[in-house]
Amino acid sequence: MQHDDVVWAIINKTHCSHKVTTKTQQFCRNEYNLTGLCSRASCPLANSKYATVREENGIIYLFMKTAERVMFPAKQWEKVKLSRNFEKAIHQINENLLYWPGFIKAKCKQRFVKITQYLIRMRKLKLRRVKELVPIQRKIERRERRREEKALVAARIDNAIEKQLLERLKKGTYNDIYNFPQMAFDAALKAEEVSGESESEREDEEEEQEMEMEPELERELQRVEEADEFVEGDSDMDSDEESDSGRREQADVGSDFESEASDMEDVAEKVSKKPRVEIEYETEPAVTISRKKIKH
């Protein structure tokens, strides 16, 4: 049997690994402590009948210890899951701690209320946007920046050397003496193959486009030829009509001119046959009036 008074006398007067002593008060760091204070009523080691409330992964449990299970550490604490409904959880605590001391019952309810409150606050903070402070490691940033600059310079130098060597190789400066790295040589060959493939693909695409455009061009040429033939036929008909009308007009004009000329000749003959008339005045000199031929 466990003697609670003996255990408490030893713990209180000698060393306890869970005790934290300050200038004003003594605290207990045991995870099953009900109040967090180092006292006779709230010490989980010095009480064979003890109960507490704990939270594990957002779920609240009621832990109970009795004297019958003290000798079995694995089965020492009985675990009861409390409901998320506040009233049901309080009812569960009252049922399980029906004949227990009032101090333990009251402190379990108080602890349950505090845990419920901080879980609600945790859920609200989780839903809200929270600013996270991230420390700036300036030394690491400077080091990485220097490494990046050095890598860029080295890459530029390597690319320039590779280009220069390839140009010399194409010009035949080394006279069939090749000491280039195999990786660079393979990369240059791949680049040339890719460029040749791209050019051949372009030529194939252009040929396909031309083949696709040929029937359309033939159709357009046929349409143009048909339109030209139709225009030429209309122009021939118009020219024939114009030539006929021109001939008719010329014939009409010639006949009109001949009729007018004959009329003018008849008038001239009649005028020539008539005698001249002379009128004399006493005061004024005589004036001779003659009719002249009218020419049209």
C-alpha atoms as a PDB file:
ATOM      1  CA  MET A   1       0.000   0.000   0.000  1.00  0.00           C
ATOM      2  CA  GLN A   2       1.073   3.551  -0.689  1.00  0.00           C
ATOM      3  CA  HIS A   3       1.291   5.904   2.260  1.00  0.00           C
ATOM      4  CA  ASP A   4       0.549   9.370   0.893  1.00  0.00           C
ATOM      5  CA  ASP A   5       1.702  11.234   4.012  1.00  0.00           C
ATOM      6  CA  VAL A   6       5.092   9.490   3.982  1.00  0.00           C
ATOM      7  CA  VAL A   7       5.578  10.226   0.270  1.00  0.00           C
ATOM      8  CA  TRP A   8       4.658  13.875   0.725  1.00  0.00           C
ATOM      9  CA  ALA A   9       6.987  14.259   3.741  1.00  0.00           C
ATOM     10  CA  ILE A  10       9.884  12.923   1.702  1.00  0.00           C
ATOM     11  CA  ILE A  11       9.094  15.013  -1.404  1.00  0.00           C
ATOM     12  CA  ASN A  12       8.383  18.197   0.507  1.00  0.00           C
ATOM     13  CA  LYS A  13      11.500  18.172   2.698  1.00  0.00           C
ATOM     14  CA  THR A  14      13.995  16.553   0.315  1.00  0.00           C
ATOM     15  CA  HIS A  15      14.676  16.779  -3.396  1.00  0.00           C
ATOM     16  CA  CYS A  16      11.917  16.400  -6.055  1.00  0.00           C
ATOM     17  CA  SER A  17      12.772  16.436  -9.778  1.00  0.00           C
ATOM     18  CA  HIS A  18       9.451  18.154 -10.670  1.00  0.00           C
ATOM     19  CA  LYS A  19       9.760  20.962  -8.130  1.00  0.00           C
ATOM     20  CA  VAL A  20      10.689  24.493  -9.223  1.00  0.00           C
ATOM     21  CA  THR A  21      11.457  26.914  -6.377  1.00  0.00           C
ATOM     22  CA  THR A  22      11.236  30.682  -6.784  1.00  0.00           C
ATOM     23  CA  LYS A  23      11.517  33.555  -4.305  1.00  0.00           C
ATOM     24  CA  THR A  24       7.778  33.699  -3.674  1.00  0.00           C
ATOM     25  CA  GLN A  25       6.348  30.256  -4.469  1.00  0.00           C
ATOM     26  CA  GLN A  26       7.047  26.644  -5.446  1.00  0.00           C
ATOM     27  CA  PHE A  27       5.781  25.234  -8.779  1.00  0.00           C
ATOM     28  CA  CYS A  28       5.438  21.708 -10.139  1.00  0.00           C
ATOM     29  CA  ARG A  29       6.419  20.665 -13.675  1.00  0.00           C
ATOM     30  CA  ASN A  30       4.696  17.281 -13.640  1.00  0.00           C
ATOM     31  CA  GLU A  31       2.441  16.885 -16.711  1.00  0.00           C
ATOM     32  CA  TYR A  32      -0.384  15.366 -14.612  1.00  0.00           C
ATOM     33  CA  ASN A  33      -0.411  18.177 -12.027  1.00  0.00           C
ATOM     34  CA  LEU A  34      -3.895  19.692 -11.730  1.00  0.00           C
ATOM     35  CA  THR A  35      -3.023  23.265 -10.695  1.00  0.00           C
ATOM     36  CA  GLY A  36       0.706  23.615 -11.488  1.00  0.00           C
ATOM     37  CA  LEU A  37       1.523  24.364  -7.856  1.00  0.00           C
ATOM     38  CA  CYS A  38       3.630  22.233  -5.524  1.00  0.00           C
ATOM     39  CA  SER A  39       1.197  21.526  -2.675  1.00  0.00           C
ATOM     40  CA  ARG A  40      -0.155  18.550  -0.750  1.00  0.00           C
ATOM     41  CA  ALA A  41      -3.584  18.581  -2.399  1.00  0.00           C
ATOM     42  CA  SER A  42      -2.366  19.052  -5.978  1.00  0.00           C
ATOM     43  CA  CYS A  43       0.651  16.721  -5.970  1.00  0.00           C
ATOM     44  CA  PRO A  44       0.048  13.721  -8.288  1.00  0.00           C
ATOM     45  CA  LEU A  45       2.778  11.636  -6.599  1.00  0.00           C
ATOM     46  CA  ALA A  46       1.578  12.075  -3.019  1.00  0.00           C
ATOM     47  CA  ASN A  47      -2.098  11.282  -3.813  1.00  0.00           C
ATOM     48  CA  SER A  48      -3.151   7.722  -4.627  1.00  0.00           C
ATOM     49  CA  LYS A  49      -6.580   8.946  -5.763  1.00  0.00           C
ATOM     50  CA  TYR A  50      -6.077  11.714  -8.235  1.00  0.00           C
ATOM     51  CA  ALA A  51      -7.732  13.166 -11.363  1.00  0.00           C
ATOM     52  CA  THR A  52      -6.756  15.766 -13.944  1.00  0.00           C
ATOM     53  CA  VAL A  53      -7.771  17.132 -17.376  1.00  0.00           C
ATOM     54  CA  ARG A  54      -5.354  17.168 -20.327  1.00  0.00           C
ATOM     55  CA  GLU A  55      -5.445  18.049 -24.045  1.00  0.00           C
ATOM     56  CA  GLU A  56      -3.876  15.874 -26.742  1.00  0.00           C
ATOM     57  CA  ASN A  57      -3.987  16.942 -30.428  1.00  0.00           C
ATOM     58  CA  GLY A  58      -7.001  19.203 -29.886  1.00  0.00           C
ATOM     59  CA  ILE A  59      -9.002  16.578 -27.923  1.00  0.00           C
ATOM     60  CA  ILE A  60      -9.655  16.942 -24.174  1.00  0.00           C
ATOM     61  CA  TYR A  61      -9.373  13.864 -21.917  1.00  0.00           C
ATOM     62  CA  LEU A  62     -10.145  13.212 -18.267  1.00  0.00           C
ATOM     63  CA  PHE A  63      -7.380  11.215 -16.518  1.00  0.00           C
ATOM     64  CA  MET A  64      -8.165   9.360 -13.295  1.00  0.00           C
ATOM     65  CA  LYS A  65      -5.831   7.433 -10.952  1.00  0.00           C
ATOM     66  CA  THR A  66      -6.923   5.077  -8.174  1.00  0.00           C
ATOM     67  CA  ALA A  67      -5.029   3.181  -5.462  1.00  0.00           C
ATOM     68  CA  GLU A  68      -5.910  -0.219  -6.990  1.00  0.00           C
ATOM     69  CA  ARG A  69      -3.885   0.533 -10.153  1.00  0.00           C
ATOM     70  CA  VAL A  70      -0.850   2.115  -8.497  1.00  0.00           C
ATOM     71  CA  MET A  71       1.160  -1.108  -8.802  1.00  0.00           C
ATOM     72  CA  PHE A  72       0.652  -1.188 -12.629  1.00  0.00           C
ATOM     73  CA  PRO A  73       2.307   1.903 -14.169  1.00  0.00           C
ATOM     74  CA  ALA A  74       1.006   1.107 -17.716  1.00  0.00           C
ATOM     75  CA  LYS A  75      -2.604   0.930 -16.422  1.00  0.00           C
ATOM     76  CA  GLN A  76      -2.264   3.508 -13.680  1.00  0.00           C
ATOM     77  CA  TRP A  77      -4.265   6.271 -15.430  1.00  0.00           C
ATOM     78  CA  GLU A  78      -7.771   5.752 -16.776  1.00  0.00           C
ATOM     79  CA  LYS A  79      -8.460   7.893 -19.849  1.00  0.00           C
ATOM     80  CA  VAL A  80     -11.948   9.238 -20.710  1.00  0.00           C
ATOM     81  CA  LYS A  81     -12.601  11.320 -23.826  1.00  0.00           C
ATOM     82  CA  LEU A  82     -14.720  14.403 -23.168  1.00  0.00           C
ATOM     83  CA  SER A  83     -17.318  15.695 -25.584  1.00  0.00           C
ATOM     84  CA  ARG A  84     -16.812  18.878 -27.611  1.00  0.00           C
ATOM     85  CA  ASN A  85     -20.109  20.131 -26.278  1.00  0.00           C
ATOM     86  CA  PHE A  86     -19.403  22.089 -23.107  1.00  0.00           C
ATOM     87  CA  GLU A  87     -22.496  20.969 -21.172  1.00  0.00           C
ATOM     88  CA  LYS A  88     -22.025  17.290 -22.052  1.00  0.00           C
ATOM     89  CA  ALA A  89     -18.356  17.464 -21.022  1.00  0.00           C
ATOM     90  CA  ILE A  90     -19.252  18.978 -17.625  1.00  0.00           C
ATOM     91  CA  HIS A  91     -21.862  16.265 -17.160  1.00  0.00           C
ATOM     92  CA  GLN A  92     -19.227  13.594 -17.914  1.00  0.00           C
ATOM     93  CA  ILE A  93     -16.858  15.097 -15.316  1.00  0.00           C
ATOM     94  CA  ASN A  94     -19.630  15.094 -12.696  1.00  0.00           C
ATOM     95  CA  GLU A  95     -20.507  11.466 -13.405  1.00  0.00           C
ATOM     96  CA  ASN A  96     -16.934  10.156 -13.337  1.00  0.00           C
ATOM     97  CA  LEU A  97     -15.983  12.186 -10.215  1.00  0.00           C
ATOM     98  CA  LEU A  98     -19.234  11.645  -8.340  1.00  0.00           C
ATOM     99  CA  TYR A  99     -17.725  10.480  -4.996  1.00  0.00           C
ATOM    100  CA  TRP A 100     -14.365  12.260  -5.318  1.00  0.00           C
ATOM    101  CA  PRO A 101     -13.151  15.191  -3.185  1.00  0.00           C
ATOM    102  CA  GLY A 102     -14.708  18.544  -4.039  1.00  0.00           C
ATOM    103  CA  PHE A 103     -11.285  20.162  -4.525  1.00  0.00           C
ATOM    104  CA  ILE A 104     -10.340  17.762  -7.342  1.00  0.00           C
ATOM    105  CA  LYS A 105     -13.779  18.018  -8.961  1.00  0.00           C
ATOM    106  CA  ALA A 106     -13.747  21.839  -8.956  1.00  0.00           C
ATOM    107  CA  LYS A 107     -10.178  22.086 -10.241  1.00  0.00           C
ATOM    108  CA  CYS A 108     -10.913  19.597 -13.063  1.00  0.00           C
ATOM    109  CA  LYS A 109     -13.863  21.731 -14.204  1.00  0.00           C
ATOM    110  CA  GLN A 110     -11.759  24.890 -14.012  1.00  0.00           C
ATOM    111  CA  ARG A 111      -8.963  23.271 -16.003  1.00  0.00           C
ATOM    112  CA  PHE A 112     -11.445  22.046 -18.610  1.00  0.00           C
ATOM    113  CA  VAL A 113     -12.794  25.612 -19.046  1.00  0.00           C
ATOM    114  CA  LYS A 114      -9.292  27.053 -19.533  1.00  0.00           C
ATOM    115  CA  ILE A 115      -8.320  24.394 -22.066  1.00  0.00           C
ATOM    116  CA  THR A 116     -11.568  24.951 -24.002  1.00  0.00           C
ATOM    117  CA  GLN A 117     -10.912  28.683 -24.139  1.00  0.00           C
ATOM    118  CA  TYR A 118      -7.373  28.385 -25.477  1.00  0.00           C
ATOM    119  CA  LEU A 119      -8.469  25.788 -28.070  1.00  0.00           C
ATOM    120  CA  ILE A 120     -11.080  28.263 -29.356  1.00  0.00           C
ATOM    121  CA  ARG A 121      -8.428  30.969 -29.599  1.00  0.00           C
ATOM    122  CA  MET A 122      -6.101  28.582 -31.426  1.00  0.00           C
ATOM    123  CA  ARG A 123      -8.773  27.772 -34.017  1.00  0.00           C
ATOM    124  CA  LYS A 124      -9.490  31.470 -34.586  1.00  0.00           C
ATOM    125  CA  LEU A 125      -5.785  32.266 -35.012  1.00  0.00           C
ATOM    126  CA  LYS A 126      -5.454  29.356 -37.427  1.00  0.00           C
ATOM    127  CA  LEU A 127      -8.208  30.757 -39.604  1.00  0.00           C
ATOM    128  CA  ARG A 128      -6.822  34.288 -39.443  1.00  0.00           C
ATOM    129  CA  ARG A 129      -3.806  35.479 -41.404  1.00  0.00           C
ATOM    130  CA  VAL A 130      -0.788  35.643 -39.151  1.00  0.00           C
ATOM    131  CA  LYS A 131       2.446  37.404 -40.008  1.00  0.00           C
ATOM    132  CA  GLU A 132       5.457  35.182 -39.713  1.00  0.00           C
ATOM    133  CA  LEU A 133       8.785  36.719 -38.806  1.00  0.00           C
ATOM    134  CA  VAL A 134      11.595  35.193 -40.840  1.00  0.00           C
ATOM    135  CA  PRO A 135      15.170  36.019 -39.818  1.00  0.00           C
ATOM    136  CA  ILE A 136      17.468  37.435 -42.497  1.00  0.00           C
ATOM    137  CA  GLN A 137      20.781  35.615 -42.750  1.00  0.00           C
ATOM    138  CA  ARG A 138      22.985  38.281 -44.249  1.00  0.00           C
ATOM    139  CA  LYS A 139      26.217  36.306 -44.188  1.00  0.00           C
ATOM    140  CA  ILE A 140      24.700  33.399 -46.114  1.00  0.00           C
ATOM    141  CA  GLU A 141      23.102  35.805 -48.623  1.00  0.00           C
ATOM    142  CA  ARG A 142      26.428  37.585 -49.240  1.00  0.00           C
ATOM    143  CA  ARG A 143      28.211  34.264 -49.661  1.00  0.00           C
ATOM    144  CA  GLU A 144      25.631  32.978 -52.152  1.00  0.00           C
ATOM    145  CA  ARG A 145      25.710  36.276 -54.068  1.00  0.00           C
ATOM    146  CA  ARG A 146      29.502  36.072 -54.427  1.00  0.00           C
ATOM    147  CA  ARG A 147      29.271  32.464 -55.587  1.00  0.00           C
ATOM    148  CA  GLU A 148      26.636  33.372 -58.183  1.00  0.00           C
ATOM    149  CA  GLU A 149      28.776  36.210 -59.545  1.00  0.00           C
ATOM    150  CA  LYS A 150      31.815  33.935 -59.790  1.00  0.00           C
ATOM    151  CA  ALA A 151      29.770  31.239 -61.512  1.00  0.00           C
ATOM    152  CA  LEU A 152      28.442  33.766 -64.056  1.00  0.00           C
ATOM    153  CA  VAL A 153      31.950  35.025 -64.818  1.00  0.00           C
ATOM    154  CA  ALA A 154      33.229  31.462 -65.223  1.00  0.00           C
ATOM    155  CA  ALA A 155      30.330  30.564 -67.505  1.00  0.00           C
ATOM    156  CA  ARG A 156      30.933  33.601 -69.709  1.00  0.00           C
ATOM    157  CA  ILE A 157      34.643  32.774 -69.983  1.00  0.00           C
ATOM    158  CA  ASP A 158      33.895  29.135 -70.837  1.00  0.00           C
ATOM    159  CA  ASN A 159      31.361  30.145 -73.494  1.00  0.00           C
ATOM    160  CA  ALA A 160      33.787  32.661 -75.032  1.00  0.00           C
ATOM    161  CA  ILE A 161      36.595  30.080 -75.121  1.00  0.00           C
ATOM    162  CA  GLU A 162      34.304  27.491 -76.656  1.00  0.00           C
ATOM    163  CA  LYS A 163      33.126  29.891 -79.377  1.00  0.00           C
ATOM    164  CA  GLN A 164      36.681  30.943 -80.193  1.00  0.00           C
ATOM    165  CA  LEU A 165      37.892  27.352 -80.417  1.00  0.00           C
ATOM    166  CA  LEU A 166      34.981  26.387 -82.651  1.00  0.00           C
ATOM    167  CA  GLU A 167      35.698  29.311 -84.963  1.00  0.00           C
ATOM    168  CA  ARG A 168      39.361  28.281 -85.192  1.00  0.00           C
ATOM    169  CA  LEU A 169      38.322  24.693 -85.834  1.00  0.00           C
ATOM    170  CA  LYS A 170      36.075  25.784 -88.714  1.00  0.00           C
ATOM    171  CA  LYS A 171      38.829  27.959 -90.188  1.00  0.00           C
ATOM    172  CA  GLY A 172      41.309  25.060 -89.987  1.00  0.00           C
ATOM    173  CA  THR A 173      43.818  26.766 -87.731  1.00  0.00           C
ATOM    174  CA  TYR A 174      44.917  23.589 -85.945  1.00  0.00           C
ATOM    175  CA  ASN A 175      45.439  21.422 -89.039  1.00  0.00           C
ATOM    176  CA  ASP A 176      43.458  18.349 -87.939  1.00  0.00           C
ATOM    177  CA  ILE A 177      44.791  18.484 -84.346  1.00  0.00           C
ATOM    178  CA  TYR A 178      41.846  18.292 -81.960  1.00  0.00           C
ATOM    179  CA  ASN A 179      42.328  18.550 -78.205  1.00  0.00           C
ATOM    180  CA  PHE A 180      38.837  19.723 -77.268  1.00  0.00           C
ATOM    181  CA  PRO A 181      36.817  18.124 -74.471  1.00  0.00           C
ATOM    182  CA  GLN A 182      34.414  15.487 -75.708  1.00  0.00           C
ATOM    183  CA  MET A 183      31.443  17.128 -73.959  1.00  0.00           C
ATOM    184  CA  ALA A 184      31.980  20.477 -75.717  1.00  0.00           C
ATOM    185  CA  PHE A 185      32.482  18.762 -79.069  1.00  0.00           C
ATOM    186  CA  ASP A 186      29.257  16.753 -78.671  1.00  0.00           C
ATOM    187  CA  ALA A 187      27.371  19.907 -77.658  1.00  0.00           C
ATOM    188  CA  ALA A 188      28.620  21.752 -80.762  1.00  0.00           C
ATOM    189  CA  LEU A 189      27.613  18.841 -82.998  1.00  0.00           C
ATOM    190  CA  LYS A 190      24.160  18.745 -81.410  1.00  0.00           C
ATOM    191  CA  ALA A 191      23.745  22.497 -81.953  1.00  0.00           C
ATOM    192  CA  GLU A 192      24.673  22.147 -85.642  1.00  0.00           C
ATOM    193  CA  GLU A 193      22.306  19.192 -86.051  1.00  0.00           C
ATOM    194  CA  VAL A 194      19.484  21.131 -84.422  1.00  0.00           C
ATOM    195  CA  SER A 195      20.097  24.125 -86.692  1.00  0.00           C
ATOM    196  CA  GLY A 196      20.212  21.870 -89.790  1.00  0.00           C
ATOM    197  CA  GLU A 197      17.008  20.129 -88.730  1.00  0.00           C
ATOM    198  CA  SER A 198      15.295  23.473 -88.145  1.00  0.00           C
ATOM    199  CA  GLU A 199      16.318  24.676 -91.633  1.00  0.00           C
ATOM    200  CA  SER A 200      15.103  21.434 -93.257  1.00  0.00           C
ATOM    201  CA  GLU A 201      11.828  21.700 -91.340  1.00  0.00           C
ATOM    202  CA  ARG A 202      11.380  25.257 -92.563  1.00  0.00           C
ATOM    203  CA  GLU A 203      12.020  24.184 -96.167  1.00  0.00           C
ATOM    204  CA  ASP A 204       9.535  21.324 -95.826  1.00  0.00           C
ATOM    205  CA  GLU A 205       6.939  23.684 -94.384  1.00  0.00           C
ATOM    206  CA  GLU A 206       7.473  26.149 -97.246  1.00  0.00           C
ATOM    207  CA  GLU A 207       7.100  23.352 -99.814  1.00  0.00           C
ATOM    208  CA  GLU A 208       3.918  22.145 -98.138  1.00  0.00           C
ATOM    209  CA  GLN A 209       2.539  25.686 -98.148  1.00  0.00           C
ATOM    210  CA  GLU A 210       3.378  26.033-101.850  1.00  0.00           C
ATOM    211  CA  MET A 211       1.704  22.703-102.620  1.00  0.00           C
ATOM    212  CA  GLU A 212      -1.358  23.826-100.712  1.00  0.00           C
ATOM    213  CA  MET A 213      -1.414  27.182-102.506  1.00  0.00           C
ATOM    214  CA  GLU A 214      -1.040  25.719-106.053  1.00  0.00           C
ATOM    215  CA  PRO A 215      -4.676  24.578-106.528  1.00  0.00           C
ATOM    216  CA  GLU A 216      -5.936  27.900-105.207  1.00  0.00           C
ATOM    217  CA  LEU A 217      -3.678  29.793-107.617  1.00  0.00           C
ATOM    218  CA  GLU A 218      -4.862  27.657-110.540  1.00  0.00           C
ATOM    219  CA  ARG A 219      -8.476  28.365-109.641  1.00  0.00           C
ATOM    220  CA  GLU A 220      -7.789  32.106-109.492  1.00  0.00           C
ATOM    221  CA  LEU A 221      -5.986  32.009-112.871  1.00  0.00           C
ATOM    222  CA  GLN A 222      -8.936  30.215-114.459  1.00  0.00           C
ATOM    223  CA  ARG A 223     -11.310  32.806-113.032  1.00  0.00           C
ATOM    224  CA  VAL A 224      -9.131  35.647-114.388  1.00  0.00           C
ATOM    225  CA  GLU A 225      -8.938  34.048-117.864  1.00  0.00           C
ATOM    226  CA  GLU A 226     -12.709  33.569-117.984  1.00  0.00           C
ATOM    227  CA  ALA A 227     -13.238  37.189-116.971  1.00  0.00           C
ATOM    228  CA  ASP A 228     -10.783  38.378-119.693  1.00  0.00           C
ATOM    229  CA  GLU A 229     -12.570  36.324-122.356  1.00  0.00           C
ATOM    230  CA  PHE A 230     -15.921  37.730-121.307  1.00  0.00           C
ATOM    231  CA  VAL A 231     -14.546  41.304-121.431  1.00  0.00           C
ATOM    232  CA  GLU A 232     -12.995  40.761-124.871  1.00  0.00           C
ATOM    233  CA  GLY A 233     -16.289  39.411-126.254  1.00  0.00           C
ATOM    234  CA  ASP A 234     -18.159  42.454-124.940  1.00  0.00           C
ATOM    235  CA  SER A 235     -15.551  44.816-126.400  1.00  0.00           C
ATOM    236  CA  ASP A 236     -15.844  43.146-129.854  1.00  0.00           C
ATOM    237  CA  MET A 237     -19.614  43.498-129.833  1.00  0.00           C
ATOM    238  CA  ASP A 238     -19.347  47.136-128.774  1.00  0.00           C
ATOM    239  CA  SER A 239     -16.760  47.900-131.490  1.00  0.00           C
ATOM    240  CA  ASP A 240     -18.982  46.308-134.187  1.00  0.00           C
ATOM    241  CA  GLU A 241     -21.955  48.324-133.041  1.00  0.00           C
ATOM    242  CA  GLU A 242     -19.884  51.504-132.892  1.00  0.00           C
ATOM    243  CA  SER A 243     -18.519  50.925-136.407  1.00  0.00           C
ATOM    244  CA  ASP A 244     -22.041  50.373-137.798  1.00  0.00           C
ATOM    245  CA  SER A 245     -23.411  53.442-136.086  1.00  0.00           C
ATOM    246  CA  GLY A 246     -20.405  55.488-137.295  1.00  0.00           C
ATOM    247  CA  ARG A 247     -21.035  54.406-140.855  1.00  0.00           C
ATOM    248  CA  ARG A 248     -24.685  55.290-140.585  1.00  0.00           C
ATOM    249  CA  GLU A 249     -23.882  58.706-139.134  1.00  0.00           C
ATOM    250  CA  GLN A 250     -21.335  59.379-141.894  1.00  0.00           C
ATOM    251  CA  ALA A 251     -23.859  58.387-144.524  1.00  0.00           C
ATOM    252  CA  ASP A 252     -26.507  60.631-142.971  1.00  0.00           C
ATOM    253  CA  VAL A 253     -24.092  63.525-142.716  1.00  0.00           C
ATOM    254  CA  GLY A 254     -23.013  63.094-146.344  1.00  0.00           C
ATOM    255  CA  SER A 255     -26.607  63.014-147.578  1.00  0.00           C
ATOM    256  CA  ASP A 256     -27.495  66.093-145.524  1.00  0.00           C
ATOM    257  CA  PHE A 257     -24.458  67.930-146.854  1.00  0.00           C
ATOM    258  CA  GLU A 258     -25.303  67.043-150.440  1.00  0.00           C
ATOM    259  CA  SER A 259     -28.926  68.178-150.008  1.00  0.00           C
ATOM    260  CA  GLU A 260     -27.830  71.490-148.495  1.00  0.00           C
ATOM    261  CA  ALA A 261     -25.316  72.069-151.275  1.00  0.00           C
ATOM    262  CA  SER A 262     -27.984  71.456-153.939  1.00  0.00           C
ATOM    263  CA  ASP A 263     -30.392  73.865-152.225  1.00  0.00           C
ATOM    264  CA  MET A 264     -27.680  76.539-152.093  1.00  0.00           C
ATOM    265  CA  GLU A 265     -26.988  76.148-155.804  1.00  0.00           C
ATOM    266  CA  ASP A 266     -30.705  76.538-156.665  1.00  0.00           C
ATOM    267  CA  VAL A 267     -30.929  79.733-154.585  1.00  0.00           C
ATOM    268  CA  ALA A 268     -27.840  81.175-156.277  1.00  0.00           C
ATOM    269  CA  GLU A 269     -29.245  80.521-159.747  1.00  0.00           C
ATOM    270  CA  LYS A 270     -32.557  82.203-158.867  1.00  0.00           C
ATOM    271  CA  VAL A 271     -30.797  85.285-157.523  1.00  0.00           C
ATOM    272  CA  SER A 272     -28.600  85.623-160.591  1.00  0.00           C
ATOM    273  CA  LYS A 273     -31.644  85.615-162.881  1.00  0.00           C
ATOM    274  CA  LYS A 274     -33.414  88.533-161.095  1.00  0.00           C
ATOM    275  CA  PRO A 275     -32.621  92.143-162.433  1.00  0.00           C
ATOM    276  CA  ARG A 276     -30.924  94.812-160.356  1.00  0.00           C
ATOM    277  CA  VAL A 277     -33.064  97.721-158.967  1.00  0.00           C
ATOM    278  CA  GLU A 278     -31.816 101.275-159.019  1.00  0.00           C
ATOM    279  CA  ILE A 279     -33.346 104.060-156.833  1.00  0.00           C
ATOM    280  CA  GLU A 280     -32.603 107.715-157.386  1.00  0.00           C
ATOM    281  CA  TYR A 281     -33.112 110.608-154.932  1.00  0.00           C
ATOM    282  CA  GLU A 282     -33.187 114.275-155.707  1.00  0.00           C
ATOM    283  CA  THR A 283     -31.260 115.619-152.731  1.00  0.00           C
ATOM    284  CA  GLU A 284     -29.087 112.644-151.994  1.00  0.00           C
ATOM    285  CA  PRO A 285     -26.884 110.685-154.291  1.00  0.00           C
ATOM    286  CA  ALA A 286     -28.219 107.577-155.762  1.00  0.00           C
ATOM    287  CA  VAL A 287     -27.553 104.437-153.878  1.00  0.00           C
ATOM    288  CA  THR A 288     -27.268 101.156-155.660  1.00  0.00           C
ATOM    289  CA  ILE A 289     -28.462  98.103-153.744  1.00  0.00           C
ATOM    290  CA  SER A 290     -27.453  94.731-154.970  1.00  0.00           C
ATOM    291  CA  ARG A 291     -28.071  91.320-153.572  1.00  0.00           C
ATOM    292  CA  LYS A 292     -25.018  89.216-153.092  1.00  0.00           C
ATOM    293  CA  LYS A 293     -24.858  85.484-153.126  1.00  0.00           C
ATOM    294  CA  ILE A 294     -25.136  83.830-149.770  1.00  0.00           C
ATOM    295  CA  LYS A 295     -22.596  81.226-149.168  1.00  0.00           C
ATOM    296  CA  HIS A 296     -23.118  78.544-146.644  1.00  0.00           C
END
